[in-house]
Amino acid sequence: MKSGSVRLLVISGLLITLPTLCVAQDAEDEASGVRFQAHQIGTVRFEPCGVGDFDNNGKIDIVSGEYIYLAPEWKAYKIATINSDITEEGNGYAWDFMDAPLDVDGDGHLDIVTCNWHGKCMEWRRNPGVFPPEAEWETFLIEEKGNYEFGEMVDADGDGVKDEILPICPAAEWAEVGTLENGETGLIVHEINAERHIWGGGMGDINGDGRPDLIRPSVWYEAPEDIRKDEWTRHEISLGAPDGGTDHTPQILVHDFNRDGRNDLLTSSAHKYGIWWYEQNEDESWTQHLIDDTWTQAHSHALADLDQDGDLDLLTGKRFRAHNGNDPEGDAPPCVYWYERKGEGSTVEWERHTVTFDEGIGSGMNIPVVDIDADGDLDFVVTGKWGGPVLFENLLK
């Protein structure tokens, strides 16, 4: 990392005051009016993170891997012990690819839903509601369906709230809180198709019927009227590679980027070159448009109105040593960028702005975006095997 940065050991229960990192903004950022200030919250090597009010004090906390960081002091508490073979160089993996905040048992406290590749399972950690935490949180198995690439909070039922889970495992499925067969409240998994799918996925209303559809890189499933009982209709698609090809993607985002009344898609190659948006045409075909193909391992995406101009911009970053340096440019400097969307119709353009480059900070499996300091603009959190999390405070307000 560059000037102003430090590395400190995060110890459970110890209040650590971490200095603000000096993150330079390029000239384009200054022109856009959007600047970010990085705050090092922790220095632990995990790839997912999440945000939510875990202690019910009205302030948004951060979770990543074994630790929860309570606002506003960001005091770190260990709430889990997670298998990990990550080295000081960033090689290896931890058995944690999702930290999704969700009240699974309905007791009024946010729990954490997690999944991982190597353990081949999805689990949840129960928040006992005791703060500061006196012990590690109990972990419960949800399902075991092979490798899990990552998972996301989504709006599967179309009520406008992202309180369902989209796990990216071989099957196409989604999960929601409900009443289990034993009468208890828990997470119910709805399987749409059990076949093995390409890694990557998202949910959103593709056909404009008001019901979010489920998307994987080679297929999208049209939501039926009863999303829990009826069959989902399969449609072929091809995402994640140049020239209309199909490959492993991270999140697949759904939004009407050119404002023609039809929702489009946005995703990238998770390990190679290329970020694209896919225009949905009137005949339900797709036209691929390049956003950027000058860097690799864009393995996490989020849409947010970072500059408050009324439209959604793209926030993304480079996953640090996603395949232990074996991807194209696997050892290139880590980075986080936001792409300002401009124009509409056939003139949609994306202007890249640098949040951080070559300062030891990238993004791992996801990027939570939230107004964490309640000042009226959107901030975000990233982490990775480089050692985080880091909070980027939006200085627009």
Protein backbone atom coordinates (compact mmCIF):
# COMPACT_ATOMS: atom_id res chain seq x y z
CA MET A 1 0.00 0.00 0.00
CA LYS A 2 1.06 3.58 -0.50
CA SER A 3 1.32 6.60 1.79
CA GLY A 4 -0.74 6.66 4.96
CA SER A 5 -1.38 2.91 5.10
CA VAL A 6 -0.60 0.46 7.87
CA ARG A 7 -1.07 -3.22 8.65
CA LEU A 8 -2.35 -4.10 12.11
CA LEU A 9 -3.44 -7.40 13.63
CA VAL A 10 -7.16 -7.52 14.35
CA ILE A 11 -7.71 -9.07 17.77
CA SER A 12 -11.16 -10.01 19.02
CA GLY A 13 -12.43 -7.61 21.64
CA LEU A 14 -9.58 -5.12 21.22
CA LEU A 15 -10.38 -1.58 20.16
CA ILE A 16 -8.06 -0.70 17.29
CA THR A 17 -7.73 2.81 15.96
CA LEU A 18 -6.77 2.51 12.31
CA PRO A 19 -5.57 5.58 10.41
CA THR A 20 -7.28 6.80 7.30
CA LEU A 21 -5.56 5.72 4.11
CA CYS A 22 -4.37 8.35 1.67
CA VAL A 23 -6.04 7.32 -1.57
CA ALA A 24 -5.33 9.56 -4.53
CA GLN A 25 -8.12 10.48 -6.91
CA ASP A 26 -7.41 10.91 -10.60
CA ALA A 27 -8.34 14.00 -12.59
CA GLU A 28 -11.50 12.37 -13.91
CA ASP A 29 -12.72 11.81 -10.34
CA GLU A 30 -12.16 15.44 -9.49
CA ALA A 31 -14.13 16.47 -12.58
CA SER A 32 -17.04 14.18 -11.65
CA GLY A 33 -17.29 15.70 -8.17
CA VAL A 34 -17.12 12.24 -6.56
CA ARG A 35 -14.24 11.51 -4.21
CA PHE A 36 -13.76 8.63 -1.79
CA GLN A 37 -11.77 8.38 1.42
CA ALA A 38 -10.60 4.92 2.45
CA HIS A 39 -10.77 3.79 6.07
CA GLN A 40 -9.00 0.55 7.01
CA ILE A 41 -11.43 -1.33 9.25
CA GLY A 42 -9.57 -4.64 9.57
CA THR A 43 -6.60 -6.53 8.16
CA VAL A 44 -7.85 -10.11 7.88
CA ARG A 45 -7.75 -12.18 4.68
CA PHE A 46 -11.35 -13.04 3.78
CA GLU A 47 -13.11 -12.48 0.44
CA PRO A 48 -16.77 -11.66 1.25
CA CYS A 49 -18.24 -8.93 3.44
CA GLY A 50 -21.65 -7.70 4.52
CA VAL A 51 -23.25 -4.71 6.22
CA GLY A 52 -26.17 -4.47 8.64
CA ASP A 53 -27.25 -3.39 12.11
CA PHE A 54 -26.28 -6.54 13.99
CA ASP A 55 -26.55 -5.09 17.50
CA ASN A 56 -29.79 -3.13 16.84
CA ASN A 57 -28.36 0.22 17.91
CA GLY A 58 -29.37 2.05 14.73
CA LYS A 59 -25.85 2.05 13.24
CA ILE A 60 -24.62 -0.07 10.35
CA ASP A 61 -21.93 -2.62 11.21
CA ILE A 62 -19.60 -4.64 8.97
CA VAL A 63 -18.99 -8.38 8.90
CA SER A 64 -16.23 -10.22 7.04
CA GLY A 65 -15.22 -13.79 7.65
CA GLU A 66 -14.51 -14.50 11.30
CA TYR A 67 -15.06 -10.95 12.51
CA ILE A 68 -17.86 -8.49 13.07
CA TYR A 69 -16.91 -4.80 13.32
CA LEU A 70 -19.34 -2.74 15.39
CA ALA A 71 -19.98 0.88 14.45
CA PRO A 72 -19.08 3.58 15.11
CA GLU A 73 -15.73 2.60 16.68
CA TRP A 74 -15.36 -0.49 14.42
CA LYS A 75 -14.37 -2.62 17.35
CA ALA A 76 -13.61 -6.14 16.13
CA TYR A 77 -15.13 -9.28 17.63
CA LYS A 78 -14.45 -12.82 16.54
CA ILE A 79 -17.74 -14.63 15.93
CA ALA A 80 -16.57 -17.72 14.03
CA THR A 81 -13.61 -19.97 13.32
CA ILE A 82 -13.28 -20.56 9.58
CA ASN A 83 -10.98 -23.02 7.81
CA SER A 84 -8.34 -21.15 5.83
CA ASP A 85 -5.02 -21.86 4.16
CA ILE A 86 -4.44 -18.31 2.86
CA THR A 87 -0.77 -17.39 2.97
CA GLU A 88 0.87 -14.02 3.54
CA GLU A 89 1.23 -13.78 -0.24
CA GLY A 90 -2.52 -14.19 -0.68
CA ASN A 91 -2.49 -17.72 -2.06
CA GLY A 92 -5.04 -20.24 -0.86
CA TYR A 93 -8.65 -19.80 0.26
CA ALA A 94 -10.88 -19.45 3.30
CA TRP A 95 -14.05 -21.50 3.56
CA ASP A 96 -16.25 -18.41 3.38
CA PHE A 97 -17.55 -16.99 0.09
CA MET A 98 -20.65 -15.12 1.34
CA ASP A 99 -21.51 -13.04 4.42
CA ALA A 100 -25.17 -12.14 3.85
CA PRO A 101 -27.03 -10.41 6.73
CA LEU A 102 -30.48 -11.95 7.18
CA ASP A 103 -32.71 -12.70 10.18
CA VAL A 104 -32.98 -16.44 9.51
CA ASP A 105 -34.72 -17.51 12.74
CA GLY A 106 -37.07 -14.51 12.99
CA ASP A 107 -35.92 -13.37 16.43
CA GLY A 108 -35.28 -9.74 15.40
CA HIS A 109 -31.50 -10.06 15.13
CA LEU A 110 -29.57 -10.17 11.86
CA ASP A 111 -27.85 -13.51 11.37
CA ILE A 112 -25.27 -14.32 8.69
CA VAL A 113 -25.82 -16.69 5.77
CA THR A 114 -22.60 -18.07 4.34
CA CYS A 115 -21.44 -20.56 1.72
CA ASN A 116 -18.11 -21.81 0.46
CA TRP A 117 -16.41 -23.66 -2.34
CA HIS A 118 -14.27 -26.11 -0.43
CA GLY A 119 -16.78 -27.14 2.25
CA LYS A 120 -19.44 -27.57 -0.46
CA CYS A 121 -22.26 -26.26 1.69
CA MET A 122 -24.45 -23.28 2.62
CA GLU A 123 -24.75 -22.47 6.34
CA TRP A 124 -26.00 -19.75 8.66
CA ARG A 125 -24.58 -18.29 11.88
CA ARG A 126 -27.06 -17.44 14.63
CA ASN A 127 -26.80 -14.00 16.20
CA PRO A 128 -27.53 -14.56 19.90
CA GLY A 129 -28.31 -10.87 20.41
CA VAL A 130 -25.58 -10.46 23.03
CA PHE A 131 -23.30 -7.47 22.53
CA PRO A 132 -20.45 -7.32 22.88
CA PRO A 133 -20.36 -10.97 21.76
CA GLU A 134 -19.36 -13.31 24.57
CA ALA A 135 -18.65 -16.33 22.35
CA GLU A 136 -18.58 -17.46 18.75
CA TRP A 137 -21.95 -17.69 17.03
CA GLU A 138 -23.44 -21.13 16.50
CA THR A 139 -23.37 -22.33 12.88
CA PHE A 140 -26.12 -24.43 11.26
CA LEU A 141 -26.12 -26.35 7.97
CA ILE A 142 -28.67 -25.32 5.33
CA GLU A 143 -27.74 -27.58 2.43
CA GLU A 144 -24.89 -29.39 0.67
CA LYS A 145 -25.03 -29.22 -3.15
CA GLY A 146 -21.42 -29.20 -4.27
CA ASN A 147 -19.22 -26.14 -4.68
CA TYR A 148 -20.62 -22.68 -3.95
CA GLU A 149 -18.96 -19.88 -5.91
CA PHE A 150 -20.62 -17.03 -3.99
CA GLY A 151 -24.06 -15.84 -2.96
CA GLU A 152 -26.07 -12.63 -2.98
CA MET A 153 -28.98 -10.93 -1.24
CA VAL A 154 -31.68 -10.53 -3.90
CA ASP A 155 -35.33 -9.55 -4.34
CA ALA A 156 -36.75 -12.86 -5.53
CA ASP A 157 -40.43 -12.22 -4.78
CA GLY A 158 -40.66 -8.76 -6.36
CA ASP A 159 -41.63 -6.87 -3.21
CA GLY A 160 -38.81 -4.36 -3.62
CA VAL A 161 -36.78 -5.69 -0.68
CA LYS A 162 -33.60 -7.75 -1.04
CA ASP A 163 -34.33 -10.27 1.70
CA GLU A 164 -33.88 -13.52 -0.23
CA ILE A 165 -30.67 -15.42 -1.01
CA LEU A 166 -29.32 -16.38 -4.44
CA PRO A 167 -26.63 -19.05 -3.93
CA ILE A 168 -24.35 -19.66 -6.90
CA CYS A 169 -23.97 -23.43 -6.78
CA PRO A 170 -24.35 -26.04 -9.55
CA ALA A 171 -28.17 -25.95 -9.28
CA ALA A 172 -30.32 -22.93 -10.14
CA GLU A 173 -32.12 -22.04 -6.91
CA TRP A 174 -33.08 -19.31 -4.46
CA ALA A 175 -33.86 -19.30 -0.75
CA GLU A 176 -36.14 -17.38 1.61
CA VAL A 177 -37.01 -17.23 5.28
CA GLY A 178 -40.15 -19.23 6.07
CA THR A 179 -41.66 -21.94 8.24
CA LEU A 180 -39.77 -25.24 8.12
CA GLU A 181 -41.37 -28.68 8.30
CA ASN A 182 -40.61 -28.81 12.03
CA GLY A 183 -42.56 -25.60 12.59
CA GLU A 184 -39.49 -23.45 13.24
CA THR A 185 -38.51 -20.38 11.26
CA GLY A 186 -35.58 -20.96 8.93
CA LEU A 187 -34.26 -20.77 5.39
CA ILE A 188 -36.26 -22.61 2.73
CA VAL A 189 -34.47 -23.45 -0.53
CA HIS A 190 -36.48 -23.44 -3.78
CA GLU A 191 -34.72 -25.40 -6.53
CA ILE A 192 -35.59 -24.34 -10.09
CA ASN A 193 -33.32 -26.67 -12.03
CA ALA A 194 -30.90 -29.26 -10.61
CA GLU A 195 -28.58 -29.47 -13.62
CA ARG A 196 -25.02 -28.17 -13.39
CA HIS A 197 -24.83 -24.49 -14.41
CA ILE A 198 -21.90 -22.24 -15.28
CA TRP A 199 -20.73 -20.14 -12.33
CA GLY A 200 -22.26 -16.68 -11.97
CA GLY A 201 -25.78 -15.39 -11.57
CA GLY A 202 -28.30 -12.71 -10.73
CA MET A 203 -31.99 -11.92 -10.39
CA GLY A 204 -34.13 -9.24 -12.00
CA ASP A 205 -37.21 -8.70 -14.15
CA ILE A 206 -36.08 -9.41 -17.72
CA ASN A 207 -39.46 -9.63 -19.49
CA GLY A 208 -41.23 -6.77 -17.71
CA ASP A 209 -43.97 -8.81 -16.02
CA GLY A 210 -43.09 -7.52 -12.55
CA ARG A 211 -41.57 -10.79 -11.38
CA PRO A 212 -37.78 -11.12 -10.95
CA ASP A 213 -36.26 -13.81 -13.15
CA LEU A 214 -33.19 -15.90 -12.33
CA ILE A 215 -30.15 -15.60 -14.62
CA ARG A 216 -27.10 -17.82 -15.06
CA PRO A 217 -24.46 -17.23 -17.80
CA SER A 218 -26.00 -19.68 -20.29
CA VAL A 219 -29.69 -19.58 -19.34
CA TRP A 220 -32.33 -17.41 -17.72
CA TYR A 221 -35.42 -18.75 -16.01
CA GLU A 222 -38.64 -16.80 -16.39
CA ALA A 223 -40.48 -16.54 -13.09
CA PRO A 224 -44.01 -18.05 -13.07
CA GLU A 225 -47.02 -16.61 -11.31
CA ASP A 226 -46.42 -18.78 -8.27
CA ILE A 227 -42.64 -18.68 -7.86
CA ARG A 228 -42.71 -21.34 -5.13
CA LYS A 229 -44.85 -24.00 -6.82
CA ASP A 230 -45.04 -23.42 -10.58
CA GLU A 231 -42.39 -24.33 -13.15
CA TRP A 232 -39.95 -21.65 -14.31
CA THR A 233 -39.60 -21.24 -18.11
CA ARG A 234 -36.10 -21.75 -19.53
CA HIS A 235 -34.56 -19.35 -22.07
CA GLU A 236 -31.10 -19.73 -23.60
CA ILE A 237 -28.62 -16.87 -23.29
CA SER A 238 -24.87 -16.35 -23.64
CA LEU A 239 -22.97 -14.11 -21.21
CA GLY A 240 -19.44 -13.58 -19.94
CA ALA A 241 -17.13 -13.86 -22.96
CA PRO A 242 -16.15 -11.77 -26.02
CA ASP A 243 -18.09 -12.00 -29.28
CA GLY A 244 -21.25 -13.31 -27.67
CA GLY A 245 -19.61 -16.27 -25.94
CA THR A 246 -20.36 -17.83 -22.58
CA ASP A 247 -18.03 -18.05 -19.60
CA HIS A 248 -17.85 -17.89 -15.81
CA THR A 249 -19.19 -14.55 -14.54
CA PRO A 250 -19.63 -12.84 -11.17
CA GLN A 251 -22.91 -11.02 -10.44
CA ILE A 252 -25.28 -10.54 -13.38
CA LEU A 253 -27.03 -7.18 -12.96
CA VAL A 254 -30.42 -6.27 -14.42
CA HIS A 255 -31.31 -2.67 -15.34
CA ASP A 256 -32.63 -0.62 -18.27
CA PHE A 257 -29.32 1.05 -19.15
CA ASN A 258 -30.40 2.69 -22.41
CA ARG A 259 -33.84 3.71 -21.11
CA ASP A 260 -35.82 2.08 -23.91
CA GLY A 261 -38.29 0.38 -21.56
CA ARG A 262 -36.59 -3.04 -21.70
CA ASN A 263 -34.28 -4.27 -18.98
CA ASP A 264 -30.72 -5.05 -20.02
CA LEU A 265 -27.96 -7.10 -18.37
CA LEU A 266 -24.44 -6.32 -17.17
CA THR A 267 -21.66 -8.69 -16.18
CA SER A 268 -18.04 -9.59 -16.88
CA SER A 269 -15.61 -12.41 -17.30
CA ALA A 270 -14.84 -13.37 -13.71
CA HIS A 271 -11.21 -14.28 -14.42
CA LYS A 272 -10.31 -13.01 -17.88
CA TYR A 273 -10.72 -9.74 -19.78
CA GLY A 274 -14.01 -8.00 -20.37
CA ILE A 275 -16.91 -6.13 -18.77
CA TRP A 276 -20.03 -5.83 -20.94
CA TRP A 277 -23.62 -4.71 -20.91
CA TYR A 278 -26.14 -6.64 -22.96
CA GLU A 279 -28.87 -4.66 -24.68
CA GLN A 280 -32.24 -6.40 -24.82
CA ASN A 281 -33.69 -5.85 -28.28
CA GLU A 282 -37.34 -5.61 -29.24
CA ASP A 283 -37.29 -9.16 -30.64
CA GLU A 284 -35.92 -10.48 -27.29
CA SER A 285 -32.42 -10.98 -28.74
CA TRP A 286 -29.33 -9.49 -27.09
CA THR A 287 -26.60 -7.15 -28.32
CA GLN A 288 -23.30 -7.23 -26.43
CA HIS A 289 -21.61 -3.86 -25.76
CA LEU A 290 -18.09 -3.55 -24.36
CA ILE A 291 -17.52 -1.40 -21.27
CA ASP A 292 -13.86 -2.23 -20.58
CA ASP A 293 -11.44 -5.04 -21.48
CA THR A 294 -8.15 -3.60 -20.22
CA TRP A 295 -7.92 -5.48 -16.90
CA THR A 296 -8.82 -8.88 -15.48
CA GLN A 297 -10.57 -10.61 -12.56
CA ALA A 298 -13.52 -8.20 -12.29
CA HIS A 299 -15.17 -10.65 -9.91
CA SER A 300 -17.69 -8.40 -8.10
CA HIS A 301 -20.17 -5.78 -9.29
CA ALA A 302 -22.72 -3.40 -7.80
CA LEU A 303 -25.02 -0.75 -9.28
CA ALA A 304 -25.41 2.51 -7.37
CA ASP A 305 -26.01 6.21 -8.01
CA LEU A 306 -22.63 7.30 -6.64
CA ASP A 307 -22.69 10.80 -8.18
CA GLN A 308 -26.39 11.43 -7.43
CA ASP A 309 -27.24 12.33 -11.01
CA GLY A 310 -30.33 10.14 -11.05
CA ASP A 311 -28.99 7.06 -12.82
CA LEU A 312 -27.14 3.95 -11.69
CA ASP A 313 -23.39 3.65 -12.17
CA LEU A 314 -21.21 0.53 -12.05
CA LEU A 315 -18.89 -0.20 -9.14
CA THR A 316 -16.39 -3.02 -9.58
CA GLY A 317 -12.90 -4.16 -8.68
CA LYS A 318 -10.16 -6.71 -9.19
CA ARG A 319 -10.25 -9.86 -7.09
CA PHE A 320 -6.84 -10.39 -5.51
CA ARG A 321 -5.18 -13.64 -6.63
CA ALA A 322 -8.50 -15.24 -7.56
CA HIS A 323 -6.67 -18.30 -8.89
CA ASN A 324 -3.47 -17.69 -6.93
CA GLY A 325 -1.90 -15.65 -9.71
CA ASN A 326 -2.73 -18.08 -12.53
CA ASP A 327 -5.33 -15.87 -14.25
CA PRO A 328 -4.27 -13.50 -17.05
CA GLU A 329 -2.55 -10.57 -15.31
CA GLY A 330 -3.15 -12.40 -12.05
CA ASP A 331 -0.35 -10.44 -10.41
CA ALA A 332 -1.31 -7.03 -11.83
CA PRO A 333 -1.99 -4.27 -9.28
CA PRO A 334 -5.32 -4.54 -7.43
CA CYS A 335 -7.86 -1.84 -8.17
CA VAL A 336 -11.40 -0.57 -7.62
CA TYR A 337 -13.15 1.50 -10.30
CA TRP A 338 -16.53 3.10 -10.80
CA TYR A 339 -17.96 3.63 -14.27
CA GLU A 340 -20.13 6.67 -14.77
CA ARG A 341 -23.00 5.91 -17.13
CA LYS A 342 -23.74 8.63 -19.65
CA GLY A 343 -26.21 9.01 -22.49
CA GLU A 344 -29.11 6.80 -23.51
CA GLY A 345 -30.39 4.85 -26.48
CA SER A 346 -27.57 3.98 -28.86
CA THR A 347 -25.24 6.52 -27.25
CA VAL A 348 -24.75 4.88 -23.82
CA GLU A 349 -21.15 5.44 -22.71
CA TRP A 350 -19.21 4.45 -19.59
CA GLU A 351 -16.52 6.74 -18.18
CA ARG A 352 -14.08 5.01 -15.84
CA HIS A 353 -13.03 6.68 -12.59
CA THR A 354 -10.36 5.34 -10.27
CA VAL A 355 -11.22 4.78 -6.63
CA THR A 356 -7.92 3.04 -5.85
CA PHE A 357 -5.14 1.55 -7.95
CA ASP A 358 -1.96 -0.23 -6.84
CA GLU A 359 -2.52 0.56 -3.17
CA GLY A 360 -3.11 -3.01 -2.05
CA ILE A 361 -6.92 -2.79 -2.25
CA GLY A 362 -9.23 -4.65 -4.61
CA SER A 363 -12.64 -6.26 -4.17
CA GLY A 364 -13.39 -9.88 -3.41
CA MET A 365 -16.71 -11.68 -3.85
CA ASN A 366 -19.09 -8.71 -3.43
CA ILE A 367 -19.33 -4.95 -2.81
CA PRO A 368 -21.98 -3.83 -0.29
CA VAL A 369 -23.14 -0.27 -1.04
CA VAL A 370 -24.90 1.72 1.69
CA ASP A 371 -24.97 5.19 3.25
CA ILE A 372 -23.01 3.89 6.22
CA ASP A 373 -22.37 7.30 7.80
CA ALA A 374 -25.93 8.58 7.18
CA ASP A 375 -24.76 11.76 5.44
CA GLY A 376 -26.89 11.42 2.31
CA ASP A 377 -24.49 9.78 -0.16
CA LEU A 378 -23.56 6.17 -0.84
CA ASP A 379 -20.45 4.57 0.63
CA PHE A 380 -19.19 1.03 0.06
CA VAL A 381 -17.09 -1.73 1.61
CA VAL A 382 -14.56 -4.05 -0.03
CA THR A 383 -12.34 -6.85 1.22
CA GLY A 384 -10.20 -9.64 -0.15
CA LYS A 385 -7.24 -11.90 0.42
CA TRP A 386 -5.09 -8.77 0.59
CA GLY A 387 -6.52 -8.14 4.09
CA GLY A 388 -9.56 -6.00 4.84
CA PRO A 389 -12.23 -4.83 5.10
CA VAL A 390 -11.83 -1.26 3.90
CA LEU A 391 -14.67 1.27 4.04
CA PHE A 392 -14.74 3.83 1.23
CA GLU A 393 -16.50 6.96 2.44
CA ASN A 394 -18.17 8.99 -0.30
CA LEU A 395 -17.20 12.65 0.22
CA LEU A 396 -19.86 14.05 -2.10
CA LYS A 397 -21.84 15.36 0.89
